[in-house]
Amino acid sequence: EREFVATITWSGGNTYYAGSVKGRFT
């Protein structure tokens, strides 16, 4: 199934990452 990887808020630039990619993806 499709899974979340990362997201960024448009105005504030807050980022969120899936645990599987955190530290490797930006």
PDB file of all heavy atoms in Angstrom:
ATOM      1  N   GLU A   1       0.826  -1.194   0.000  1.00  0.00           N
ATOM      2  CA  GLU A   1       0.000   0.000   0.000  1.00  0.00           C
ATOM      3  C   GLU A   1       0.866   1.251   0.000  1.00  0.00           C
ATOM      4  O   GLU A   1       2.025   1.227   0.413  1.00  0.00           O
ATOM      5  CB  GLU A   1      -0.932   0.008   1.207  1.00  0.00           C
ATOM      6  CG  GLU A   1      -1.960  -1.108   1.207  1.00  0.00           C
ATOM      7  CD  GLU A   1      -2.948  -0.989   2.338  1.00  0.00           C
ATOM      8  OE1 GLU A   1      -2.995   0.073   2.988  1.00  0.00           O
ATOM      9  OE2 GLU A   1      -3.680  -1.956   2.570  1.00  0.00           O
ATOM     10  N   ARG A   2       0.283   2.336  -0.454  1.00  0.00           N
ATOM     11  CA  ARG A   2       0.980   3.605  -0.456  1.00  0.00           C
ATOM     12  C   ARG A   2       1.235   4.059   0.981  1.00  0.00           C
ATOM     13  O   ARG A   2       0.344   3.998   1.830  1.00  0.00           O
ATOM     14  CB  ARG A   2       0.156   4.645  -1.209  1.00  0.00           C
ATOM     15  CG  ARG A   2       0.913   5.917  -1.545  1.00  0.00           C
ATOM     16  CD  ARG A   2       0.120   6.776  -2.528  1.00  0.00           C
ATOM     17  NE  ARG A   2      -0.135   6.062  -3.766  1.00  0.00           N
ATOM     18  CZ  ARG A   2      -0.739   6.589  -4.818  1.00  0.00           C
ATOM     19  NH1 ARG A   2      -1.149   7.858  -4.782  1.00  0.00           N
ATOM     20  NH2 ARG A   2      -0.937   5.859  -5.907  1.00  0.00           N
ATOM     21  N   GLU A   3       2.450   4.526   1.239  1.00  0.00           N
ATOM     22  CA  GLU A   3       2.816   4.925   2.580  1.00  0.00           C
ATOM     23  C   GLU A   3       3.426   6.318   2.610  1.00  0.00           C
ATOM     24  O   GLU A   3       4.044   6.778   1.649  1.00  0.00           O
ATOM     25  CB  GLU A   3       3.793   3.923   3.207  1.00  0.00           C
ATOM     26  CG  GLU A   3       5.146   3.868   2.523  1.00  0.00           C
ATOM     27  CD  GLU A   3       6.117   2.926   3.214  1.00  0.00           C
ATOM     28  OE1 GLU A   3       5.716   2.240   4.170  1.00  0.00           O
ATOM     29  OE2 GLU A   3       7.292   2.873   2.793  1.00  0.00           O
ATOM     30  N   PHE A   4       3.262   6.958   3.734  1.00  0.00           N
ATOM     31  CA  PHE A   4       3.795   8.291   3.951  1.00  0.00           C
ATOM     32  C   PHE A   4       5.312   8.262   4.023  1.00  0.00           C
ATOM     33  O   PHE A   4       5.904   7.355   4.613  1.00  0.00           O
ATOM     34  CB  PHE A   4       3.215   8.854   5.253  1.00  0.00           C
ATOM     35  CG  PHE A   4       3.891  10.101   5.731  1.00  0.00           C
ATOM     36  CD1 PHE A   4       3.651  11.322   5.119  1.00  0.00           C
ATOM     37  CD2 PHE A   4       4.764  10.058   6.798  1.00  0.00           C
ATOM     38  CE1 PHE A   4       4.263  12.474   5.559  1.00  0.00           C
ATOM     39  CE2 PHE A   4       5.385  11.201   7.253  1.00  0.00           C
ATOM     40  CZ  PHE A   4       5.135  12.409   6.634  1.00  0.00           C
ATOM     41  N   VAL A   5       5.942   9.274   3.433  1.00  0.00           N
ATOM     42  CA  VAL A   5       7.391   9.411   3.475  1.00  0.00           C
ATOM     43  C   VAL A   5       7.798  10.688   4.212  1.00  0.00           C
ATOM     44  O   VAL A   5       8.537  10.646   5.192  1.00  0.00           O
ATOM     45  CB  VAL A   5       8.002   9.412   2.062  1.00  0.00           C
ATOM     46  CG1 VAL A   5       9.506   9.671   2.133  1.00  0.00           C
ATOM     47  CG2 VAL A   5       7.728   8.091   1.360  1.00  0.00           C
ATOM     48  N   ALA A   6       7.314  11.819   3.726  1.00  0.00           N
ATOM     49  CA  ALA A   6       7.685  13.100   4.317  1.00  0.00           C
ATOM     50  C   ALA A   6       6.707  14.171   3.880  1.00  0.00           C
ATOM     51  O   ALA A   6       6.069  14.058   2.830  1.00  0.00           O
ATOM     52  CB  ALA A   6       9.106  13.501   3.911  1.00  0.00           C
ATOM     53  N   THR A   7       6.600  15.228   4.658  1.00  0.00           N
ATOM     54  CA  THR A   7       5.757  16.351   4.287  1.00  0.00           C
ATOM     55  C   THR A   7       6.351  17.628   4.851  1.00  0.00           C
ATOM     56  O   THR A   7       7.143  17.592   5.802  1.00  0.00           O
ATOM     57  CB  THR A   7       4.307  16.163   4.778  1.00  0.00           C
ATOM     58  OG1 THR A   7       3.457  17.163   4.189  1.00  0.00           O
ATOM     59  CG2 THR A   7       4.222  16.271   6.294  1.00  0.00           C
ATOM     60  N   ILE A   8       5.972  18.747   4.267  1.00  0.00           N
ATOM     61  CA  ILE A   8       6.437  20.044   4.720  1.00  0.00           C
ATOM     62  C   ILE A   8       5.296  21.036   4.628  1.00  0.00           C
ATOM     63  O   ILE A   8       4.584  21.090   3.627  1.00  0.00           O
ATOM     64  CB  ILE A   8       7.666  20.512   3.907  1.00  0.00           C
ATOM     65  CG1 ILE A   8       8.217  21.833   4.456  1.00  0.00           C
ATOM     66  CG2 ILE A   8       7.332  20.641   2.421  1.00  0.00           C
ATOM     67  CD1 ILE A   8       9.595  22.185   3.903  1.00  0.00           C
ATOM     68  N   THR A   9       5.095  21.819   5.674  1.00  0.00           N
ATOM     69  CA  THR A   9       4.055  22.837   5.634  1.00  0.00           C
ATOM     70  C   THR A   9       4.520  23.993   4.770  1.00  0.00           C
ATOM     71  O   THR A   9       5.707  24.335   4.746  1.00  0.00           O
ATOM     72  CB  THR A   9       3.694  23.333   7.040  1.00  0.00           C
ATOM     73  OG1 THR A   9       4.833  23.937   7.661  1.00  0.00           O
ATOM     74  CG2 THR A   9       3.210  22.181   7.911  1.00  0.00           C
ATOM     75  N   TRP A  10       3.585  24.591   4.036  1.00  0.00           N
ATOM     76  CA  TRP A  10       3.957  25.570   3.028  1.00  0.00           C
ATOM     77  C   TRP A  10       4.444  26.883   3.602  1.00  0.00           C
ATOM     78  O   TRP A  10       5.404  27.470   3.106  1.00  0.00           O
ATOM     79  CB  TRP A  10       2.795  25.805   2.074  1.00  0.00           C
ATOM     80  CG  TRP A  10       3.251  26.207   0.721  1.00  0.00           C
ATOM     81  CD1 TRP A  10       2.985  27.380   0.079  1.00  0.00           C
ATOM     82  CD2 TRP A  10       4.057  25.441  -0.173  1.00  0.00           C
ATOM     83  NE1 TRP A  10       3.574  27.398  -1.150  1.00  0.00           N
ATOM     84  CE2 TRP A  10       4.248  26.208  -1.341  1.00  0.00           C
ATOM     85  CE3 TRP A  10       4.640  24.167  -0.110  1.00  0.00           C
ATOM     86  CZ2 TRP A  10       4.992  25.758  -2.420  1.00  0.00           C
ATOM     87  CZ3 TRP A  10       5.391  23.716  -1.181  1.00  0.00           C
ATOM     88  CH2 TRP A  10       5.555  24.510  -2.321  1.00  0.00           C
ATOM     89  N   SER A  11       3.786  27.364   4.630  1.00  0.00           N
ATOM     90  CA  SER A  11       4.156  28.661   5.186  1.00  0.00           C
ATOM     91  C   SER A  11       5.263  28.566   6.229  1.00  0.00           C
ATOM     92  O   SER A  11       6.226  29.333   6.188  1.00  0.00           O
ATOM     93  CB  SER A  11       2.929  29.351   5.784  1.00  0.00           C
ATOM     94  OG  SER A  11       2.352  28.569   6.817  1.00  0.00           O
ATOM     95  N   GLY A  12       5.126  27.641   7.150  1.00  0.00           N
ATOM     96  CA  GLY A  12       6.088  27.551   8.234  1.00  0.00           C
ATOM     97  C   GLY A  12       7.310  26.698   7.949  1.00  0.00           C
ATOM     98  O   GLY A  12       8.336  26.841   8.620  1.00  0.00           O
ATOM     99  N   GLY A  13       7.214  25.806   6.965  1.00  0.00           N
ATOM    100  CA  GLY A  13       8.329  24.942   6.648  1.00  0.00           C
ATOM    101  C   GLY A  13       8.564  23.833   7.660  1.00  0.00           C
ATOM    102  O   GLY A  13       9.662  23.260   7.712  1.00  0.00           O
ATOM    103  N   ASN A  14       7.570  23.520   8.456  1.00  0.00           N
ATOM    104  CA  ASN A  14       7.692  22.422   9.403  1.00  0.00           C
ATOM    105  C   ASN A  14       7.702  21.098   8.657  1.00  0.00           C
ATOM    106  O   ASN A  14       6.921  20.895   7.734  1.00  0.00           O
ATOM    107  CB  ASN A  14       6.542  22.448  10.400  1.00  0.00           C
ATOM    108  CG  ASN A  14       6.437  23.765  11.136  1.00  0.00           C
ATOM    109  OD1 ASN A  14       5.505  24.536  10.936  1.00  0.00           O
ATOM    110  ND2 ASN A  14       7.414  24.023  11.999  1.00  0.00           N
ATOM    111  N   THR A  15       8.575  20.209   9.064  1.00  0.00           N
ATOM    112  CA  THR A  15       8.734  18.938   8.369  1.00  0.00           C
ATOM    113  C   THR A  15       8.377  17.764   9.257  1.00  0.00           C
ATOM    114  O   THR A  15       8.528  17.811  10.483  1.00  0.00           O
ATOM    115  CB  THR A  15      10.170  18.766   7.862  1.00  0.00           C
ATOM    116  OG1 THR A  15      11.080  18.834   8.977  1.00  0.00           O
ATOM    117  CG2 THR A  15      10.521  19.857   6.866  1.00  0.00           C
ATOM    118  N   TYR A  16       7.915  16.709   8.607  1.00  0.00           N
ATOM    119  CA  TYR A  16       7.580  15.465   9.276  1.00  0.00           C
ATOM    120  C   TYR A  16       8.073  14.322   8.396  1.00  0.00           C
ATOM    121  O   TYR A  16       7.944  14.368   7.181  1.00  0.00           O
ATOM    122  CB  TYR A  16       6.073  15.339   9.501  1.00  0.00           C
ATOM    123  CG  TYR A  16       5.476  16.496  10.255  1.00  0.00           C
ATOM    124  CD1 TYR A  16       5.046  17.637   9.577  1.00  0.00           C
ATOM    125  CD2 TYR A  16       5.345  16.455  11.640  1.00  0.00           C
ATOM    126  CE1 TYR A  16       4.505  18.711  10.261  1.00  0.00           C
ATOM    127  CE2 TYR A  16       4.801  17.528  12.328  1.00  0.00           C
ATOM    128  CZ  TYR A  16       4.386  18.650  11.641  1.00  0.00           C
ATOM    129  OH  TYR A  16       3.846  19.710  12.326  1.00  0.00           O
ATOM    130  N   TYR A  17       8.627  13.287   9.030  1.00  0.00           N
ATOM    131  CA  TYR A  17       9.195  12.164   8.293  1.00  0.00           C
ATOM    132  C   TYR A  17       8.716  10.836   8.846  1.00  0.00           C
ATOM    133  O   TYR A  17       8.496  10.696  10.050  1.00  0.00           O
ATOM    134  CB  TYR A  17      10.719  12.181   8.366  1.00  0.00           C
ATOM    135  CG  TYR A  17      11.367  13.382   7.727  1.00  0.00           C
ATOM    136  CD1 TYR A  17      11.649  14.515   8.471  1.00  0.00           C
ATOM    137  CD2 TYR A  17      11.707  13.364   6.383  1.00  0.00           C
ATOM    138  CE1 TYR A  17      12.255  15.616   7.888  1.00  0.00           C
ATOM    139  CE2 TYR A  17      12.311  14.461   5.789  1.00  0.00           C
ATOM    140  CZ  TYR A  17      12.587  15.583   6.551  1.00  0.00           C
ATOM    141  OH  TYR A  17      13.189  16.674   5.968  1.00  0.00           O
ATOM    142  N   ALA A  18       8.593   9.880   7.963  1.00  0.00           N
ATOM    143  CA  ALA A  18       8.374   8.520   8.400  1.00  0.00           C
ATOM    144  C   ALA A  18       9.641   8.017   9.083  1.00  0.00           C
ATOM    145  O   ALA A  18      10.760   8.394   8.715  1.00  0.00           O
ATOM    146  CB  ALA A  18       8.033   7.627   7.211  1.00  0.00           C
ATOM    147  N   GLY A  19       9.469   7.177  10.082  1.00  0.00           N
ATOM    148  CA  GLY A  19      10.621   6.673  10.811  1.00  0.00           C
ATOM    149  C   GLY A  19      11.615   5.937   9.938  1.00  0.00           C
ATOM    150  O   GLY A  19      12.823   5.966  10.208  1.00  0.00           O
ATOM    151  N   SER A  20      11.142   5.312   8.875  1.00  0.00           N
ATOM    152  CA  SER A  20      12.007   4.530   8.006  1.00  0.00           C
ATOM    153  C   SER A  20      12.967   5.380   7.182  1.00  0.00           C
ATOM    154  O   SER A  20      13.960   4.864   6.668  1.00  0.00           O
ATOM    155  CB  SER A  20      11.164   3.661   7.069  1.00  0.00           C
ATOM    156  OG  SER A  20      10.298   4.464   6.283  1.00  0.00           O
ATOM    157  N   VAL A  21      12.678   6.677   7.046  1.00  0.00           N
ATOM    158  CA  VAL A  21      13.522   7.539   6.218  1.00  0.00           C
ATOM    159  C   VAL A  21      14.160   8.673   7.001  1.00  0.00           C
ATOM    160  O   VAL A  21      15.039   9.371   6.472  1.00  0.00           O
ATOM    161  CB  VAL A  21      12.740   8.119   5.022  1.00  0.00           C
ATOM    162  CG1 VAL A  21      12.079   7.014   4.220  1.00  0.00           C
ATOM    163  CG2 VAL A  21      11.701   9.139   5.495  1.00  0.00           C
ATOM    164  N   LYS A  22      13.749   8.872   8.222  1.00  0.00           N
ATOM    165  CA  LYS A  22      14.270   9.973   9.018  1.00  0.00           C
ATOM    166  C   LYS A  22      15.782   9.850   9.175  1.00  0.00           C
ATOM    167  O   LYS A  22      16.304   8.789   9.486  1.00  0.00           O
ATOM    168  CB  LYS A  22      13.593   9.999  10.385  1.00  0.00           C
ATOM    169  CG  LYS A  22      13.844  11.270  11.168  1.00  0.00           C
ATOM    170  CD  LYS A  22      12.985  11.320  12.418  1.00  0.00           C
ATOM    171  CE  LYS A  22      13.137  12.645  13.143  1.00  0.00           C
ATOM    172  NZ  LYS A  22      12.265  12.715  14.342  1.00  0.00           N
ATOM    173  N   GLY A  23      16.474  10.951   8.943  1.00  0.00           N
ATOM    174  CA  GLY A  23      17.922  10.955   9.003  1.00  0.00           C
ATOM    175  C   GLY A  23      18.583  10.682   7.667  1.00  0.00           C
ATOM    176  O   GLY A  23      19.783  10.930   7.509  1.00  0.00           O
ATOM    177  N   ARG A  24      17.828  10.166   6.707  1.00  0.00           N
ATOM    178  CA  ARG A  24      18.356   9.882   5.373  1.00  0.00           C
ATOM    179  C   ARG A  24      17.741  10.770   4.295  1.00  0.00           C
ATOM    180  O   ARG A  24      18.406  11.122   3.327  1.00  0.00           O
ATOM    181  CB  ARG A  24      18.119   8.417   5.004  1.00  0.00           C
ATOM    182  CG  ARG A  24      18.798   7.431   5.935  1.00  0.00           C
ATOM    183  CD  ARG A  24      18.690   6.007   5.410  1.00  0.00           C
ATOM    184  NE  ARG A  24      17.302   5.562   5.332  1.00  0.00           N
ATOM    185  CZ  ARG A  24      16.697   5.188   4.210  1.00  0.00           C
ATOM    186  NH1 ARG A  24      17.369   5.199   3.057  1.00  0.00           N
ATOM    187  NH2 ARG A  24      15.439   4.781   4.228  1.00  0.00           N
ATOM    188  N   PHE A  25      16.468  11.109   4.458  1.00  0.00           N
ATOM    189  CA  PHE A  25      15.761  11.924   3.480  1.00  0.00           C
ATOM    190  C   PHE A  25      15.541  13.323   4.039  1.00  0.00           C
ATOM    191  O   PHE A  25      15.352  13.504   5.247  1.00  0.00           O
ATOM    192  CB  PHE A  25      14.399  11.325   3.141  1.00  0.00           C
ATOM    193  CG  PHE A  25      14.444  10.029   2.372  1.00  0.00           C
ATOM    194  CD1 PHE A  25      15.627   9.343   2.167  1.00  0.00           C
ATOM    195  CD2 PHE A  25      13.265   9.506   1.856  1.00  0.00           C
ATOM    196  CE1 PHE A  25      15.658   8.149   1.466  1.00  0.00           C
ATOM    197  CE2 PHE A  25      13.282   8.314   1.150  1.00  0.00           C
ATOM    198  CZ  PHE A  25      14.468   7.634   0.950  1.00  0.00           C
ATOM    199  N   THR A  26      15.535  14.298   3.157  1.00  0.00           N
ATOM    200  CA  THR A  26      15.267  15.676   3.542  1.00  0.00           C
ATOM    201  C   THR A  26      14.276  16.290   2.569  1.00  0.00           C
ATOM    202  O   THR A  26      14.500  16.280   1.361  1.00  0.00           O
ATOM    203  CB  THR A  26      16.554  16.516   3.552  1.00  0.00           C
ATOM    204  OG1 THR A  26      17.520  15.925   4.422  1.00  0.00           O
ATOM    205  CG2 THR A  26      16.248  17.928   4.040  1.00  0.00           C
TER     206      THR A  26
END
